[in-house]
C-alpha atoms as a PDB file:
ATOM      1  CA  ILE A   1       0.511  -9.720  14.597  1.00  0.00           C
ATOM      2  CA  ASP A   2      -1.563 -11.857  12.239  1.00  0.00           C
ATOM      3  CA  PHE A   3       0.711 -11.942   9.186  1.00  0.00           C
ATOM      4  CA  ASP A   4      -1.709 -14.133   7.224  1.00  0.00           C
ATOM      5  CA  LEU A   5      -4.510 -11.600   7.699  1.00  0.00           C
ATOM      6  CA  ILE A   6      -2.224  -8.726   6.685  1.00  0.00           C
ATOM      7  CA  LEU A   7      -1.106 -10.546   3.527  1.00  0.00           C
ATOM      8  CA  GLU A   8      -4.684 -11.503   2.604  1.00  0.00           C
ATOM      9  CA  SER A   9      -5.845  -7.923   3.130  1.00  0.00           C
ATOM     10  CA  ILE A  10      -3.005  -6.606   0.971  1.00  0.00           C
ATOM     11  CA  LYS A  11      -3.981  -9.020  -1.818  1.00  0.00           C
ATOM     12  CA  ASP A  12      -7.570  -7.779  -1.621  1.00  0.00           C
ATOM     13  CA  LEU A  13      -6.473  -4.139  -1.749  1.00  0.00           C
ATOM     14  CA  ASN A  14      -4.167  -4.841  -4.688  1.00  0.00           C
ATOM     15  CA  SER A  15      -7.032  -6.406  -6.613  1.00  0.00           C
ATOM     16  CA  LEU A  16      -9.161  -3.308  -5.930  1.00  0.00           C
ATOM     17  CA  VAL A  17      -6.691  -1.046  -7.702  1.00  0.00           C
ATOM     18  CA  GLY A  18      -6.138  -3.512 -10.545  1.00  0.00           C
ATOM     19  CA  GLU A  19      -2.754  -5.010  -9.746  1.00  0.00           C
ATOM     20  CA  GLY A  20      -0.930  -5.811 -12.978  1.00  0.00           C
ATOM     21  CA  ILE A  21      -3.379  -3.818 -15.095  1.00  0.00           C
ATOM     22  CA  SER A  22      -2.079  -0.854 -17.063  1.00  0.00           C
ATOM     23  CA  GLN A  23      -3.774   2.498 -16.682  1.00  0.00           C
ATOM     24  CA  ILE A  24      -4.122   5.342 -19.153  1.00  0.00           C
ATOM     25  CA  GLU A  25      -1.781   8.227 -18.446  1.00  0.00           C
ATOM     26  CA  HIS A  26      -2.540  11.454 -20.286  1.00  0.00           C
ATOM     27  CA  THR A  27       0.474  13.262 -21.717  1.00  0.00           C
ATOM     28  CA  PRO A  28       0.813  16.607 -23.498  1.00  0.00           C
ATOM     29  CA  ARG A  29       0.995  14.738 -26.824  1.00  0.00           C
ATOM     30  CA  GLY A  30      -1.760  12.206 -26.178  1.00  0.00           C
ATOM     31  CA  ALA A  31      -1.820   9.258 -23.838  1.00  0.00           C
ATOM     32  CA  ARG A  32       0.083   6.096 -22.991  1.00  0.00           C
ATOM     33  CA  LEU A  33      -0.394   2.967 -20.934  1.00  0.00           C
ATOM     34  CA  ARG A  34       1.349   2.939 -17.585  1.00  0.00           C
ATOM     35  CA  ARG A  35       1.548   0.360 -14.833  1.00  0.00           C
ATOM     36  CA  PRO A  36       1.147   1.834 -11.366  1.00  0.00           C
ATOM     37  CA  GLU A  37       4.297   1.896  -9.259  1.00  0.00           C
ATOM     38  CA  PRO A  38       4.034  -0.568  -6.368  1.00  0.00           C
ATOM     39  CA  LEU A  39       4.714   0.506  -2.807  1.00  0.00           C
ATOM     40  CA  PRO A  40       6.695  -2.269  -1.128  1.00  0.00           C
ATOM     41  CA  LEU A  41       5.766  -3.246   2.411  1.00  0.00           C
ATOM     42  CA  THR A  42       8.298  -5.396   4.224  1.00  0.00           C
ATOM     43  CA  LEU A  43       7.106  -7.214   7.340  1.00  0.00           C
ATOM     44  CA  TYR A  44       9.642  -8.156   9.991  1.00  0.00           C
ATOM     45  CA  GLN A  45       9.224  -9.986  13.269  1.00  0.00           C
ATOM     46  CA  ASN A  46       9.422  -6.706  15.185  1.00  0.00           C
ATOM     47  CA  GLY A  47       8.255  -4.035  12.710  1.00  0.00           C
ATOM     48  CA  ILE A  48       7.683  -2.876   9.132  1.00  0.00           C
ATOM     49  CA  VAL A  49       9.315  -0.844   6.398  1.00  0.00           C
ATOM     50  CA  MET A  50       7.015   0.828   3.871  1.00  0.00           C
ATOM     51  CA  GLY A  51       8.559   1.941   0.608  1.00  0.00           C
ATOM     52  CA  SER A  52      11.981   3.460   1.185  1.00  0.00           C
ATOM     53  CA  GLY A  53      10.950   4.728   4.606  1.00  0.00           C
ATOM     54  CA  ALA A  54      12.493   4.038   7.961  1.00  0.00           C
ATOM     55  CA  PHE A  55      11.998   0.928  10.051  1.00  0.00           C
ATOM     56  CA  ARG A  56       8.864   1.233  12.178  1.00  0.00           C
ATOM     57  CA  PRO A  57       8.400  -0.996  15.232  1.00  0.00           C
ATOM     58  CA  TYR A  58       4.998  -2.580  15.808  1.00  0.00           C
ATOM     59  CA  GLN A  59       4.701  -0.780  19.157  1.00  0.00           C
ATOM     60  CA  HIS A  60       4.651   2.646  17.465  1.00  0.00           C
ATOM     61  CA  PRO A  61       1.078   4.066  17.323  1.00  0.00           C
ATOM     62  CA  ALA A  62       1.402   5.105  13.652  1.00  0.00           C
ATOM     63  CA  THR A  63       2.490   1.569  12.719  1.00  0.00           C
ATOM     64  CA  GLN A  64      -0.429   0.088  14.637  1.00  0.00           C
ATOM     65  CA  GLN A  65      -2.854   2.446  12.843  1.00  0.00           C
ATOM     66  CA  CYS A  66      -1.341   1.565   9.448  1.00  0.00           C
ATOM     67  CA  LEU A  67      -1.724  -2.181  10.038  1.00  0.00           C
ATOM     68  CA  ARG A  68      -5.210  -1.741  11.518  1.00  0.00           C
ATOM     69  CA  ASP A  69      -6.266   0.110   8.360  1.00  0.00           C
ATOM     70  CA  ILE A  70      -4.888  -2.695   6.172  1.00  0.00           C
ATOM     71  CA  MET A  71      -6.498  -5.467   8.228  1.00  0.00           C
ATOM     72  CA  ASP A  72      -9.824  -3.591   8.145  1.00  0.00           C
ATOM     73  CA  GLY A  73      -9.650  -3.602   4.329  1.00  0.00           C
ATOM     74  CA  TYR A  74      -8.594   0.010   3.781  1.00  0.00           C
ATOM     75  CA  PHE A  75      -5.532   1.655   2.346  1.00  0.00           C
ATOM     76  CA  PRO A  76      -3.482   3.138   5.192  1.00  0.00           C
ATOM     77  CA  SER A  77      -4.827   6.602   5.950  1.00  0.00           C
ATOM     78  CA  GLU A  78      -1.274   7.954   6.043  1.00  0.00           C
ATOM     79  CA  LEU A  79      -1.003   7.265   2.284  1.00  0.00           C
ATOM     80  CA  GLN A  80      -4.140   9.170   1.242  1.00  0.00           C
ATOM     81  CA  PRO A  81      -2.419  12.519   0.618  1.00  0.00           C
ATOM     82  CA  ARG A  82       0.229  10.914  -1.633  1.00  0.00           C
ATOM     83  CA  TYR A  83      -2.017   8.303  -3.282  1.00  0.00           C
ATOM     84  CA  PRO A  84      -5.623   9.530  -3.328  1.00  0.00           C
ATOM     85  CA  ASP A  85      -6.670   6.713  -5.728  1.00  0.00           C
ATOM     86  CA  GLY A  86      -4.909   3.955  -3.796  1.00  0.00           C
ATOM     87  CA  VAL A  87      -1.525   2.361  -4.301  1.00  0.00           C
END
């Protein structure tokens, strides 16, 4: 696992969605500025934890696909249904 590549790819993805930049959220009474909620990714020697999910070992195919997506410069495909605009 190339942790440096994963971290660099995550930084690039964060900049794509405007990390630290507030977005306009429309409300019934108008609009307000809102910062997007981050999705924590914790990297361990033998696996990952994404958000409040379960521990996922690196050997698991879904974990390998998730990290491959990140290292290829894409948001993990498993997150697309929940975060269609990125996270």
